[in-house]
Amino acid sequence: MKQKALFQIQTIRNKTEALSSSAYSSLITIIILTVLGTVLLLAACFITFRSIARPLKSLRNSMVSLADGNLDTHVDFIDYGSEIGQMAKSIPSNKMPGNA
Protein backbone atom coordinates (compact mmCIF):
# COMPACT_ATOMS: atom_id res chain seq x y z
CA MET A 1 0.00 0.00 0.00
CA LYS A 2 2.81 2.37 0.90
CA GLN A 3 4.56 1.59 -2.38
CA LYS A 4 1.41 2.32 -4.34
CA ALA A 5 1.01 5.69 -2.60
CA LEU A 6 4.66 6.56 -3.33
CA PHE A 7 4.16 5.59 -6.97
CA GLN A 8 1.09 7.80 -7.22
CA ILE A 9 2.96 10.69 -5.62
CA GLN A 10 5.83 10.25 -8.08
CA THR A 11 3.39 10.09 -10.99
CA ILE A 12 1.74 13.31 -9.82
CA ARG A 13 5.17 14.99 -9.51
CA ASN A 14 6.11 13.92 -13.03
CA LYS A 15 2.85 15.27 -14.44
CA THR A 16 3.25 18.51 -12.49
CA GLU A 17 6.79 18.98 -13.80
CA ALA A 18 5.62 18.30 -17.35
CA LEU A 19 2.78 20.82 -17.01
CA SER A 20 5.11 23.34 -15.41
CA SER A 21 7.58 22.94 -18.27
CA SER A 22 4.78 23.31 -20.82
CA ALA A 23 3.41 26.40 -19.07
CA TYR A 24 6.89 27.95 -18.97
CA SER A 25 7.38 27.25 -22.67
CA SER A 26 3.99 28.81 -23.45
CA LEU A 27 4.82 31.85 -21.33
CA ILE A 28 8.12 32.35 -23.17
CA THR A 29 6.32 32.06 -26.52
CA ILE A 30 3.70 34.61 -25.45
CA ILE A 31 6.38 37.04 -24.26
CA ILE A 32 8.35 36.72 -27.50
CA LEU A 33 5.23 37.23 -29.64
CA THR A 34 4.20 40.24 -27.53
CA VAL A 35 7.62 41.86 -27.88
CA LEU A 36 7.70 41.13 -31.61
CA GLY A 37 4.19 42.53 -32.08
CA THR A 38 5.10 45.65 -30.11
CA VAL A 39 8.22 46.21 -32.22
CA LEU A 40 6.23 45.79 -35.45
CA LEU A 41 3.52 48.14 -34.20
CA LEU A 42 6.09 50.80 -33.25
CA ALA A 43 7.78 50.44 -36.65
CA ALA A 44 4.43 50.86 -38.42
CA CYS A 45 3.63 53.93 -36.30
CA PHE A 46 7.04 55.45 -37.06
CA ILE A 47 6.67 54.86 -40.81
CA THR A 48 3.15 56.29 -40.80
CA PHE A 49 4.25 59.32 -38.80
CA ARG A 50 7.16 59.98 -41.14
CA SER A 51 4.98 59.62 -44.25
CA ILE A 52 2.71 62.36 -42.91
CA ALA A 53 5.12 64.65 -41.05
CA ARG A 54 7.78 64.92 -43.78
CA PRO A 55 5.42 66.19 -46.51
CA LEU A 56 3.64 68.52 -44.12
CA LYS A 57 6.93 70.03 -43.00
CA SER A 58 7.93 70.56 -46.62
CA LEU A 59 4.57 72.17 -47.43
CA ARG A 60 4.90 74.41 -44.39
CA ASN A 61 8.36 75.52 -45.49
CA SER A 62 7.06 76.24 -48.99
CA MET A 63 4.18 78.30 -47.63
CA VAL A 64 6.50 80.26 -45.31
CA SER A 65 8.81 80.97 -48.24
CA LEU A 66 5.88 82.15 -50.35
CA ALA A 67 4.63 84.31 -47.50
CA ASP A 68 8.08 85.89 -47.31
CA GLY A 69 7.68 86.95 -50.94
CA ASN A 70 9.80 84.28 -52.65
CA LEU A 71 7.57 83.46 -55.61
CA ASP A 72 10.13 81.08 -57.13
CA THR A 73 9.47 78.58 -54.37
CA HIS A 74 9.12 74.99 -55.55
CA VAL A 75 6.31 73.04 -53.91
CA ASP A 76 6.92 69.32 -53.48
CA PHE A 77 4.41 66.47 -53.19
CA ILE A 78 1.95 67.77 -55.80
CA ASP A 79 1.98 64.29 -57.33
CA TYR A 80 0.69 62.66 -54.13
CA GLY A 81 -2.77 61.19 -54.54
CA SER A 82 -3.69 61.86 -50.94
CA GLU A 83 -4.90 64.93 -49.08
CA ILE A 84 -1.29 66.07 -48.86
CA GLY A 85 -1.13 66.19 -52.66
CA GLN A 86 -4.39 68.14 -52.74
CA MET A 87 -2.96 70.63 -50.24
CA ALA A 88 0.21 70.99 -52.32
CA LYS A 89 -1.81 71.60 -55.49
CA SER A 90 -3.84 74.30 -53.77
CA ILE A 91 -0.78 76.41 -52.95
CA PRO A 92 -0.93 79.44 -55.27
CA SER A 93 2.70 79.07 -56.39
CA ASN A 94 1.74 76.00 -58.39
CA LYS A 95 -0.73 77.99 -60.47
CA MET A 96 1.79 80.57 -61.56
CA PRO A 97 3.43 80.17 -64.97
CA GLY A 98 6.70 78.24 -64.80
CA ASN A 99 5.96 76.58 -61.45
CA ALA A 100 3.56 73.86 -62.51
PDB file of N, CA and C in Angstrom:
ATOM      1  N   MET A   1       0.824  -1.183   0.000  1.00  0.00           N
ATOM      2  CA  MET A   1       0.000   0.000   0.000  1.00  0.00           C
ATOM      3  C   MET A   1       0.881   1.266   0.000  1.00  0.00           C
ATOM      4  N   LYS A   2       1.914   1.227   0.813  1.00  0.00           N
ATOM      5  CA  LYS A   2       2.808   2.365   0.897  1.00  0.00           C
ATOM      6  C   LYS A   2       3.522   2.589  -0.437  1.00  0.00           C
ATOM      7  N   GLN A   3       3.893   1.489  -1.088  1.00  0.00           N
ATOM      8  CA  GLN A   3       4.561   1.585  -2.384  1.00  0.00           C
ATOM      9  C   GLN A   3       3.627   2.169  -3.440  1.00  0.00           C
ATOM     10  N   LYS A   4       2.376   1.805  -3.386  1.00  0.00           N
ATOM     11  CA  LYS A   4       1.406   2.318  -4.340  1.00  0.00           C
ATOM     12  C   LYS A   4       1.219   3.824  -4.148  1.00  0.00           C
ATOM     13  N   ALA A   5       1.164   4.270  -2.897  1.00  0.00           N
ATOM     14  CA  ALA A   5       1.010   5.686  -2.604  1.00  0.00           C
ATOM     15  C   ALA A   5       2.243   6.458  -3.086  1.00  0.00           C
ATOM     16  N   LEU A   6       3.424   5.922  -2.867  1.00  0.00           N
ATOM     17  CA  LEU A   6       4.655   6.564  -3.326  1.00  0.00           C
ATOM     18  C   LEU A   6       4.689   6.645  -4.856  1.00  0.00           C
ATOM     19  N   PHE A   7       4.219   5.600  -5.510  1.00  0.00           N
ATOM     20  CA  PHE A   7       4.163   5.589  -6.968  1.00  0.00           C
ATOM     21  C   PHE A   7       3.202   6.669  -7.475  1.00  0.00           C
ATOM     22  N   GLN A   8       2.060   6.783  -6.816  1.00  0.00           N
ATOM     23  CA  GLN A   8       1.087   7.795  -7.220  1.00  0.00           C
ATOM     24  C   GLN A   8       1.646   9.213  -7.000  1.00  0.00           C
ATOM     25  N   ILE A   9       2.347   9.393  -5.889  1.00  0.00           N
ATOM     26  CA  ILE A   9       2.957  10.693  -5.621  1.00  0.00           C
ATOM     27  C   ILE A   9       3.998  11.013  -6.685  1.00  0.00           C
ATOM     28  N   GLN A  10       4.812  10.043  -7.045  1.00  0.00           N
ATOM     29  CA  GLN A  10       5.833  10.246  -8.077  1.00  0.00           C
ATOM     30  C   GLN A  10       5.185  10.544  -9.436  1.00  0.00           C
ATOM     31  N   THR A  11       4.108   9.845  -9.739  1.00  0.00           N
ATOM     32  CA  THR A  11       3.388  10.088 -10.989  1.00  0.00           C
ATOM     33  C   THR A  11       2.832  11.520 -11.016  1.00  0.00           C
ATOM     34  N   ILE A  12       2.273  11.950  -9.908  1.00  0.00           N
ATOM     35  CA  ILE A  12       1.738  13.309  -9.817  1.00  0.00           C
ATOM     36  C   ILE A  12       2.866  14.322  -9.977  1.00  0.00           C
ATOM     37  N   ARG A  13       4.009  14.087  -9.367  1.00  0.00           N
ATOM     38  CA  ARG A  13       5.167  14.986  -9.512  1.00  0.00           C
ATOM     39  C   ARG A  13       5.614  15.079 -10.966  1.00  0.00           C
ATOM     40  N   ASN A  14       5.688  13.931 -11.622  1.00  0.00           N
ATOM     41  CA  ASN A  14       6.108  13.924 -13.030  1.00  0.00           C
ATOM     42  C   ASN A  14       5.136  14.725 -13.903  1.00  0.00           C
ATOM     43  N   LYS A  15       3.848  14.534 -13.664  1.00  0.00           N
ATOM     44  CA  LYS A  15       2.850  15.268 -14.436  1.00  0.00           C
ATOM     45  C   LYS A  15       2.917  16.763 -14.136  1.00  0.00           C
ATOM     46  N   THR A  16       3.131  17.106 -12.877  1.00  0.00           N
ATOM     47  CA  THR A  16       3.246  18.510 -12.489  1.00  0.00           C
ATOM     48  C   THR A  16       4.454  19.156 -13.142  1.00  0.00           C
ATOM     49  N   GLU A  17       5.590  18.456 -13.152  1.00  0.00           N
ATOM     50  CA  GLU A  17       6.791  18.982 -13.797  1.00  0.00           C
ATOM     51  C   GLU A  17       6.579  19.152 -15.296  1.00  0.00           C
ATOM     52  N   ALA A  18       5.895  18.209 -15.920  1.00  0.00           N
ATOM     53  CA  ALA A  18       5.624  18.305 -17.349  1.00  0.00           C
ATOM     54  C   ALA A  18       4.716  19.498 -17.642  1.00  0.00           C
ATOM     55  N   LEU A  19       3.669  19.677 -16.819  1.00  0.00           N
ATOM     56  CA  LEU A  19       2.776  20.816 -17.005  1.00  0.00           C
ATOM     57  C   LEU A  19       3.506  22.131 -16.746  1.00  0.00           C
ATOM     58  N   SER A  20       4.341  22.141 -15.727  1.00  0.00           N
ATOM     59  CA  SER A  20       5.107  23.337 -15.408  1.00  0.00           C
ATOM     60  C   SER A  20       6.035  23.708 -16.561  1.00  0.00           C
ATOM     61  N   SER A  21       6.699  22.708 -17.133  1.00  0.00           N
ATOM     62  CA  SER A  21       7.581  22.941 -18.268  1.00  0.00           C
ATOM     63  C   SER A  21       6.792  23.456 -19.473  1.00  0.00           C
ATOM     64  N   SER A  22       5.631  22.886 -19.708  1.00  0.00           N
ATOM     65  CA  SER A  22       4.783  23.309 -20.818  1.00  0.00           C
ATOM     66  C   SER A  22       4.279  24.732 -20.603  1.00  0.00           C
ATOM     67  N   ALA A  23       3.890  25.053 -19.387  1.00  0.00           N
ATOM     68  CA  ALA A  23       3.414  26.399 -19.073  1.00  0.00           C
ATOM     69  C   ALA A  23       4.545  27.409 -19.245  1.00  0.00           C
ATOM     70  N   TYR A  24       5.738  27.066 -18.829  1.00  0.00           N
ATOM     71  CA  TYR A  24       6.890  27.952 -18.973  1.00  0.00           C
ATOM     72  C   TYR A  24       7.192  28.186 -20.448  1.00  0.00           C
ATOM     73  N   SER A  25       7.140  27.133 -21.231  1.00  0.00           N
ATOM     74  CA  SER A  25       7.375  27.255 -22.665  1.00  0.00           C
ATOM     75  C   SER A  25       6.316  28.147 -23.314  1.00  0.00           C
ATOM     76  N   SER A  26       5.076  27.975 -22.920  1.00  0.00           N
ATOM     77  CA  SER A  26       3.991  28.807 -23.449  1.00  0.00           C
ATOM     78  C   SER A  26       4.172  30.265 -23.039  1.00  0.00           C
ATOM     79  N   LEU A  27       4.593  30.484 -21.816  1.00  0.00           N
ATOM     80  CA  LEU A  27       4.824  31.848 -21.332  1.00  0.00           C
ATOM     81  C   LEU A  27       5.941  32.524 -22.128  1.00  0.00           C
ATOM     82  N   ILE A  28       7.024  31.814 -22.385  1.00  0.00           N
ATOM     83  CA  ILE A  28       8.124  32.353 -23.174  1.00  0.00           C
ATOM     84  C   ILE A  28       7.643  32.698 -24.582  1.00  0.00           C
ATOM     85  N   THR A  29       6.851  31.818 -25.179  1.00  0.00           N
ATOM     86  CA  THR A  29       6.316  32.059 -26.520  1.00  0.00           C
ATOM     87  C   THR A  29       5.434  33.300 -26.535  1.00  0.00           C
ATOM     88  N   ILE A  30       4.590  33.449 -25.540  1.00  0.00           N
ATOM     89  CA  ILE A  30       3.699  34.613 -25.455  1.00  0.00           C
ATOM     90  C   ILE A  30       4.520  35.893 -25.292  1.00  0.00           C
ATOM     91  N   ILE A  31       5.535  35.858 -24.465  1.00  0.00           N
ATOM     92  CA  ILE A  31       6.380  37.042 -24.256  1.00  0.00           C
ATOM     93  C   ILE A  31       7.090  37.426 -25.558  1.00  0.00           C
ATOM     94  N   ILE A  32       7.646  36.444 -26.241  1.00  0.00           N
ATOM     95  CA  ILE A  32       8.351  36.718 -27.503  1.00  0.00           C
ATOM     96  C   ILE A  32       7.398  37.303 -28.535  1.00  0.00           C
ATOM     97  N   LEU A  33       6.207  36.731 -28.662  1.00  0.00           N
ATOM     98  CA  LEU A  33       5.233  37.231 -29.636  1.00  0.00           C
ATOM     99  C   LEU A  33       4.755  38.637 -29.269  1.00  0.00           C
ATOM    100  N   THR A  34       4.606  38.905 -27.979  1.00  0.00           N
ATOM    101  CA  THR A  34       4.198  40.237 -27.534  1.00  0.00           C
ATOM    102  C   THR A  34       5.269  41.270 -27.853  1.00  0.00           C
ATOM    103  N   VAL A  35       6.517  40.941 -27.577  1.00  0.00           N
ATOM    104  CA  VAL A  35       7.616  41.861 -27.881  1.00  0.00           C
ATOM    105  C   VAL A  35       7.716  42.080 -29.387  1.00  0.00           C
ATOM    106  N   LEU A  36       7.638  41.026 -30.160  1.00  0.00           N
ATOM    107  CA  LEU A  36       7.698  41.135 -31.612  1.00  0.00           C
ATOM    108  C   LEU A  36       6.544  41.987 -32.152  1.00  0.00           C
ATOM    109  N   GLY A  37       5.351  41.746 -31.654  1.00  0.00           N
ATOM    110  CA  GLY A  37       4.194  42.532 -32.077  1.00  0.00           C
ATOM    111  C   GLY A  37       4.342  43.997 -31.723  1.00  0.00           C
ATOM    112  N   THR A  38       4.879  44.270 -30.543  1.00  0.00           N
ATOM    113  CA  THR A  38       5.099  45.648 -30.114  1.00  0.00           C
ATOM    114  C   THR A  38       6.118  46.344 -31.011  1.00  0.00           C
ATOM    115  N   VAL A  39       7.192  45.645 -31.342  1.00  0.00           N
ATOM    116  CA  VAL A  39       8.219  46.215 -32.223  1.00  0.00           C
ATOM    117  C   VAL A  39       7.630  46.506 -33.607  1.00  0.00           C
ATOM    118  N   LEU A  40       6.857  45.572 -34.137  1.00  0.00           N
ATOM    119  CA  LEU A  40       6.231  45.785 -35.448  1.00  0.00           C
ATOM    120  C   LEU A  40       5.238  46.948 -35.413  1.00  0.00           C
ATOM    121  N   LEU A  41       4.475  47.050 -34.338  1.00  0.00           N
ATOM    122  CA  LEU A  41       3.525  48.145 -34.198  1.00  0.00           C
ATOM    123  C   LEU A  41       4.245  49.490 -34.119  1.00  0.00           C
ATOM    124  N   LEU A  42       5.320  49.556 -33.349  1.00  0.00           N
ATOM    125  CA  LEU A  42       6.091  50.798 -33.250  1.00  0.00           C
ATOM    126  C   LEU A  42       6.714  51.168 -34.594  1.00  0.00           C
ATOM    127  N   ALA A  43       7.204  50.175 -35.325  1.00  0.00           N
ATOM    128  CA  ALA A  43       7.777  50.444 -36.646  1.00  0.00           C
ATOM    129  C   ALA A  43       6.705  50.977 -37.593  1.00  0.00           C
ATOM    130  N   ALA A  44       5.521  50.390 -37.559  1.00  0.00           N
ATOM    131  CA  ALA A  44       4.427  50.863 -38.417  1.00  0.00           C
ATOM    132  C   ALA A  44       4.013  52.282 -38.040  1.00  0.00           C
ATOM    133  N   CYS A  45       3.972  52.576 -36.751  1.00  0.00           N
ATOM    134  CA  CYS A  45       3.635  53.928 -36.304  1.00  0.00           C
ATOM    135  C   CYS A  45       4.692  54.930 -36.759  1.00  0.00           C
ATOM    136  N   PHE A  46       5.949  54.556 -36.652  1.00  0.00           N
ATOM    137  CA  PHE A  46       7.040  55.447 -37.064  1.00  0.00           C
ATOM    138  C   PHE A  46       6.971  55.733 -38.558  1.00  0.00           C
ATOM    139  N   ILE A  47       6.756  54.686 -39.350  1.00  0.00           N
ATOM    140  CA  ILE A  47       6.672  54.859 -40.805  1.00  0.00           C
ATOM    141  C   ILE A  47       5.472  55.725 -41.173  1.00  0.00           C
ATOM    142  N   THR A  48       4.344  55.493 -40.531  1.00  0.00           N
ATOM    143  CA  THR A  48       3.149  56.290 -40.798  1.00  0.00           C
ATOM    144  C   THR A  48       3.377  57.745 -40.409  1.00  0.00           C
ATOM    145  N   PHE A  49       3.969  57.963 -39.252  1.00  0.00           N
ATOM    146  CA  PHE A  49       4.251  59.321 -38.801  1.00  0.00           C
ATOM    147  C   PHE A  49       5.165  60.039 -39.781  1.00  0.00           C
ATOM    148  N   ARG A  50       6.214  59.359 -40.212  1.00  0.00           N
ATOM    149  CA  ARG A  50       7.164  59.982 -41.143  1.00  0.00           C
ATOM    150  C   ARG A  50       6.497  60.290 -42.478  1.00  0.00           C
ATOM    151  N   SER A  51       5.616  59.401 -42.945  1.00  0.00           N
ATOM    152  CA  SER A  51       4.977  59.621 -44.246  1.00  0.00           C
ATOM    153  C   SER A  51       4.002  60.786 -44.214  1.00  0.00           C
ATOM    154  N   ILE A  52       3.602  61.209 -43.034  1.00  0.00           N
ATOM    155  CA  ILE A  52       2.709  62.361 -42.905  1.00  0.00           C
ATOM    156  C   ILE A  52       3.503  63.612 -42.533  1.00  0.00           C
ATOM    157  N   ALA A  53       4.400  63.481 -41.570  1.00  0.00           N
ATOM    158  CA  ALA A  53       5.123  64.647 -41.046  1.00  0.00           C
ATOM    159  C   ALA A  53       6.088  65.247 -42.067  1.00  0.00           C
ATOM    160  N   ARG A  54       6.792  64.407 -42.817  1.00  0.00           N
ATOM    161  CA  ARG A  54       7.783  64.921 -43.777  1.00  0.00           C
ATOM    162  C   ARG A  54       7.132  65.784 -44.860  1.00  0.00           C
ATOM    163  N   PRO A  55       6.060  65.326 -45.509  1.00  0.00           N
ATOM    164  CA  PRO A  55       5.421  66.192 -46.512  1.00  0.00           C
ATOM    165  C   PRO A  55       4.810  67.457 -45.911  1.00  0.00           C
ATOM    166  N   LEU A  56       4.229  67.335 -44.725  1.00  0.00           N
ATOM    167  CA  LEU A  56       3.636  68.520 -44.115  1.00  0.00           C
ATOM    168  C   LEU A  56       4.697  69.552 -43.765  1.00  0.00           C
ATOM    169  N   LYS A  57       5.839  69.102 -43.301  1.00  0.00           N
ATOM    170  CA  LYS A  57       6.931  70.030 -42.995  1.00  0.00           C
ATOM    171  C   LYS A  57       7.408  70.730 -44.264  1.00  0.00           C
ATOM    172  N   SER A  58       7.515  69.973 -45.343  1.00  0.00           N
ATOM    173  CA  SER A  58       7.934  70.558 -46.618  1.00  0.00           C
ATOM    174  C   SER A  58       6.907  71.577 -47.115  1.00  0.00           C
ATOM    175  N   LEU A  59       5.617  71.237 -47.010  1.00  0.00           N
ATOM    176  CA  LEU A  59       4.571  72.173 -47.430  1.00  0.00           C
ATOM    177  C   LEU A  59       4.588  73.430 -46.574  1.00  0.00           C
ATOM    178  N   ARG A  60       4.814  73.266 -45.292  1.00  0.00           N
ATOM    179  CA  ARG A  60       4.897  74.409 -44.391  1.00  0.00           C
ATOM    180  C   ARG A  60       6.055  75.321 -44.801  1.00  0.00           C
ATOM    181  N   ASN A  61       7.205  74.732 -45.072  1.00  0.00           N
ATOM    182  CA  ASN A  61       8.363  75.524 -45.490  1.00  0.00           C
ATOM    183  C   ASN A  61       8.090  76.259 -46.798  1.00  0.00           C
ATOM    184  N   SER A  62       7.403  75.599 -47.723  1.00  0.00           N
ATOM    185  CA  SER A  62       7.058  76.241 -48.992  1.00  0.00           C
ATOM    186  C   SER A  62       6.117  77.418 -48.766  1.00  0.00           C
ATOM    187  N   MET A  63       5.130  77.227 -47.900  1.00  0.00           N
ATOM    188  CA  MET A  63       4.181  78.305 -47.628  1.00  0.00           C
ATOM    189  C   MET A  63       4.853  79.471 -46.915  1.00  0.00           C
ATOM    190  N   VAL A  64       5.758  79.187 -45.994  1.00  0.00           N
ATOM    191  CA  VAL A  64       6.496  80.256 -45.308  1.00  0.00           C
ATOM    192  C   VAL A  64       7.340  81.034 -46.318  1.00  0.00           C
ATOM    193  N   SER A  65       7.995  80.318 -47.221  1.00  0.00           N
ATOM    194  CA  SER A  65       8.813  80.968 -48.244  1.00  0.00           C
ATOM    195  C   SER A  65       7.958  81.845 -49.152  1.00  0.00           C
ATOM    196  N   LEU A  66       6.791  81.344 -49.529  1.00  0.00           N
ATOM    197  CA  LEU A  66       5.878  82.148 -50.352  1.00  0.00           C
ATOM    198  C   LEU A  66       5.386  83.370 -49.585  1.00  0.00           C
ATOM    199  N   ALA A  67       5.094  83.190 -48.319  1.00  0.00           N
ATOM    200  CA  ALA A  67       4.627  84.308 -47.499  1.00  0.00           C
ATOM    201  C   ALA A  67       5.710  85.370 -47.347  1.00  0.00           C
ATOM    202  N   ASP A  68       6.965  84.940 -47.392  1.00  0.00           N
ATOM    203  CA  ASP A  68       8.077  85.888 -47.309  1.00  0.00           C
ATOM    204  C   ASP A  68       8.329  86.603 -48.636  1.00  0.00           C
ATOM    205  N   GLY A  69       7.569  86.262 -49.663  1.00  0.00           N
ATOM    206  CA  GLY A  69       7.679  86.949 -50.944  1.00  0.00           C
ATOM    207  C   GLY A  69       8.509  86.220 -51.983  1.00  0.00           C
ATOM    208  N   ASN A  70       9.006  85.039 -51.689  1.00  0.00           N
ATOM    209  CA  ASN A  70       9.800  84.278 -52.647  1.00  0.00           C
ATOM    210  C   ASN A  70       8.853  83.513 -53.571  1.00  0.00           C
ATOM    211  N   LEU A  71       8.536  84.079 -54.702  1.00  0.00           N
ATOM    212  CA  LEU A  71       7.566  83.463 -55.609  1.00  0.00           C
ATOM    213  C   LEU A  71       8.175  82.374 -56.479  1.00  0.00           C
ATOM    214  N   ASP A  72       9.472  82.161 -56.379  1.00  0.00           N
ATOM    215  CA  ASP A  72      10.132  81.084 -57.127  1.00  0.00           C
ATOM    216  C   ASP A  72      10.190  79.790 -56.318  1.00  0.00           C
ATOM    217  N   THR A  73       9.457  79.744 -55.251  1.00  0.00           N
ATOM    218  CA  THR A  73       9.468  78.577 -54.367  1.00  0.00           C
ATOM    219  C   THR A  73       8.897  77.356 -55.076  1.00  0.00           C
ATOM    220  N   HIS A  74       9.608  76.258 -54.984  1.00  0.00           N
ATOM    221  CA  HIS A  74       9.124  74.991 -55.546  1.00  0.00           C
ATOM    222  C   HIS A  74       8.319  74.257 -54.471  1.00  0.00           C
ATOM    223  N   VAL A  75       7.166  73.770 -54.842  1.00  0.00           N
ATOM    224  CA  VAL A  75       6.309  73.043 -53.906  1.00  0.00           C
ATOM    225  C   VAL A  75       6.382  71.561 -54.252  1.00  0.00           C
ATOM    226  N   ASP A  76       6.823  70.772 -53.288  1.00  0.00           N
ATOM    227  CA  ASP A  76       6.922  69.321 -53.479  1.00  0.00           C
ATOM    228  C   ASP A  76       5.581  68.645 -53.194  1.00  0.00           C
ATOM    229  N   PHE A  77       5.519  67.376 -53.521  1.00  0.00           N
ATOM    230  CA  PHE A  77       4.409  66.474 -53.188  1.00  0.00           C
ATOM    231  C   PHE A  77       3.112  66.795 -53.919  1.00  0.00           C
ATOM    232  N   ILE A  78       3.179  67.519 -55.047  1.00  0.00           N
ATOM    233  CA  ILE A  78       1.950  67.774 -55.797  1.00  0.00           C
ATOM    234  C   ILE A  78       1.476  66.521 -56.533  1.00  0.00           C
ATOM    235  N   ASP A  79       2.359  65.535 -56.645  1.00  0.00           N
ATOM    236  CA  ASP A  79       1.984  64.292 -57.330  1.00  0.00           C
ATOM    237  C   ASP A  79       1.396  63.256 -56.374  1.00  0.00           C
ATOM    238  N   TYR A  80       1.304  63.571 -55.082  1.00  0.00           N
ATOM    239  CA  TYR A  80       0.691  62.655 -54.125  1.00  0.00           C
ATOM    240  C   TYR A  80      -0.801  62.548 -54.418  1.00  0.00           C
ATOM    241  N   GLY A  81      -1.343  61.387 -54.311  1.00  0.00           N
ATOM    242  CA  GLY A  81      -2.772  61.191 -54.544  1.00  0.00           C
ATOM    243  C   GLY A  81      -3.609  61.368 -53.290  1.00  0.00           C
ATOM    244  N   SER A  82      -2.974  61.719 -52.198  1.00  0.00           N
ATOM    245  CA  SER A  82      -3.691  61.859 -50.936  1.00  0.00           C
ATOM    246  C   SER A  82      -4.060  63.314 -50.675  1.00  0.00           C
ATOM    247  N   GLU A  83      -4.549  63.571 -49.478  1.00  0.00           N
ATOM    248  CA  GLU A  83      -4.901  64.929 -49.079  1.00  0.00           C
ATOM    249  C   GLU A  83      -3.674  65.839 -49.095  1.00  0.00           C
ATOM    250  N   ILE A  84      -2.519  65.276 -48.833  1.00  0.00           N
ATOM    251  CA  ILE A  84      -1.287  66.069 -48.862  1.00  0.00           C
ATOM    252  C   ILE A  84      -1.041  66.593 -50.284  1.00  0.00           C
ATOM    253  N   GLY A  85      -1.258  65.757 -51.276  1.00  0.00           N
ATOM    254  CA  GLY A  85      -1.133  66.195 -52.662  1.00  0.00           C
ATOM    255  C   GLY A  85      -2.151  67.266 -53.009  1.00  0.00           C
ATOM    256  N   GLN A  86      -3.369  67.133 -52.497  1.00  0.00           N
ATOM    257  CA  GLN A  86      -4.393  68.144 -52.736  1.00  0.00           C
ATOM    258  C   GLN A  86      -4.000  69.473 -52.102  1.00  0.00           C
ATOM    259  N   MET A  87      -3.423  69.406 -50.897  1.00  0.00           N
ATOM    260  CA  MET A  87      -2.959  70.631 -50.244  1.00  0.00           C
ATOM    261  C   MET A  87      -1.837  71.279 -51.058  1.00  0.00           C
ATOM    262  N   ALA A  88      -0.910  70.463 -51.546  1.00  0.00           N
ATOM    263  CA  ALA A  88       0.213  70.992 -52.323  1.00  0.00           C
ATOM    264  C   ALA A  88      -0.282  71.651 -53.607  1.00  0.00           C
ATOM    265  N   LYS A  89      -1.274  71.032 -54.248  1.00  0.00           N
ATOM    266  CA  LYS A  89      -1.814  71.599 -55.492  1.00  0.00           C
ATOM    267  C   LYS A  89      -2.562  72.899 -55.250  1.00  0.00           C
ATOM    268  N   SER A  90      -3.063  73.099 -54.049  1.00  0.00           N
ATOM    269  CA  SER A  90      -3.844  74.300 -53.768  1.00  0.00           C
ATOM    270  C   SER A  90      -2.976  75.500 -53.414  1.00  0.00           C
ATOM    271  N   ILE A  91      -1.674  75.289 -53.250  1.00  0.00           N
ATOM    272  CA  ILE A  91      -0.784  76.415 -52.952  1.00  0.00           C
ATOM    273  C   ILE A  91      -0.666  77.267 -54.201  1.00  0.00           C
ATOM    274  N   PRO A  92      -0.886  78.561 -54.088  1.00  0.00           N
ATOM    275  CA  PRO A  92      -0.928  79.443 -55.267  1.00  0.00           C
ATOM    276  C   PRO A  92       0.309  79.387 -56.149  1.00  0.00           C
ATOM    277  N   SER A  93       1.467  79.101 -55.606  1.00  0.00           N
ATOM    278  CA  SER A  93       2.701  79.073 -56.391  1.00  0.00           C
ATOM    279  C   SER A  93       2.605  78.092 -57.533  1.00  0.00           C
ATOM    280  N   ASN A  94       1.872  77.021 -57.356  1.00  0.00           N
ATOM    281  CA  ASN A  94       1.743  75.997 -58.393  1.00  0.00           C
ATOM    282  C   ASN A  94       0.920  76.486 -59.586  1.00  0.00           C
ATOM    283  N   LYS A  95       0.135  77.496 -59.394  1.00  0.00           N
ATOM    284  CA  LYS A  95      -0.730  77.990 -60.470  1.00  0.00           C
ATOM    285  C   LYS A  95      -0.071  79.083 -61.283  1.00  0.00           C
ATOM    286  N   MET A  96       1.081  79.533 -60.838  1.00  0.00           N
ATOM    287  CA  MET A  96       1.792  80.574 -61.561  1.00  0.00           C
ATOM    288  C   MET A  96       2.559  79.962 -62.726  1.00  0.00           C
ATOM    289  N   PRO A  97       2.697  80.705 -63.827  1.00  0.00           N
ATOM    290  CA  PRO A  97       3.435  80.175 -64.973  1.00  0.00           C
ATOM    291  C   PRO A  97       4.873  79.822 -64.592  1.00  0.00           C
ATOM    292  N   GLY A  98       5.324  78.678 -65.056  1.00  0.00           N
ATOM    293  CA  GLY A  98       6.699  78.240 -64.804  1.00  0.00           C
ATOM    294  C   GLY A  98       6.857  77.449 -63.522  1.00  0.00           C
ATOM    295  N   ASN A  99       5.850  77.324 -62.687  1.00  0.00           N
ATOM    296  CA  ASN A  99       5.964  76.582 -61.448  1.00  0.00           C
ATOM    297  C   ASN A  99       5.129  75.317 -61.438  1.00  0.00           C
ATOM    298  N   ALA A 100       4.454  75.011 -62.489  1.00  0.00           N
ATOM    299  CA  ALA A 100       3.562  73.864 -62.508  1.00  0.00           C
ATOM    300  C   ALA A 100       4.327  72.577 -62.622  1.00  0.00           C
TER     301      ALA A 100
END
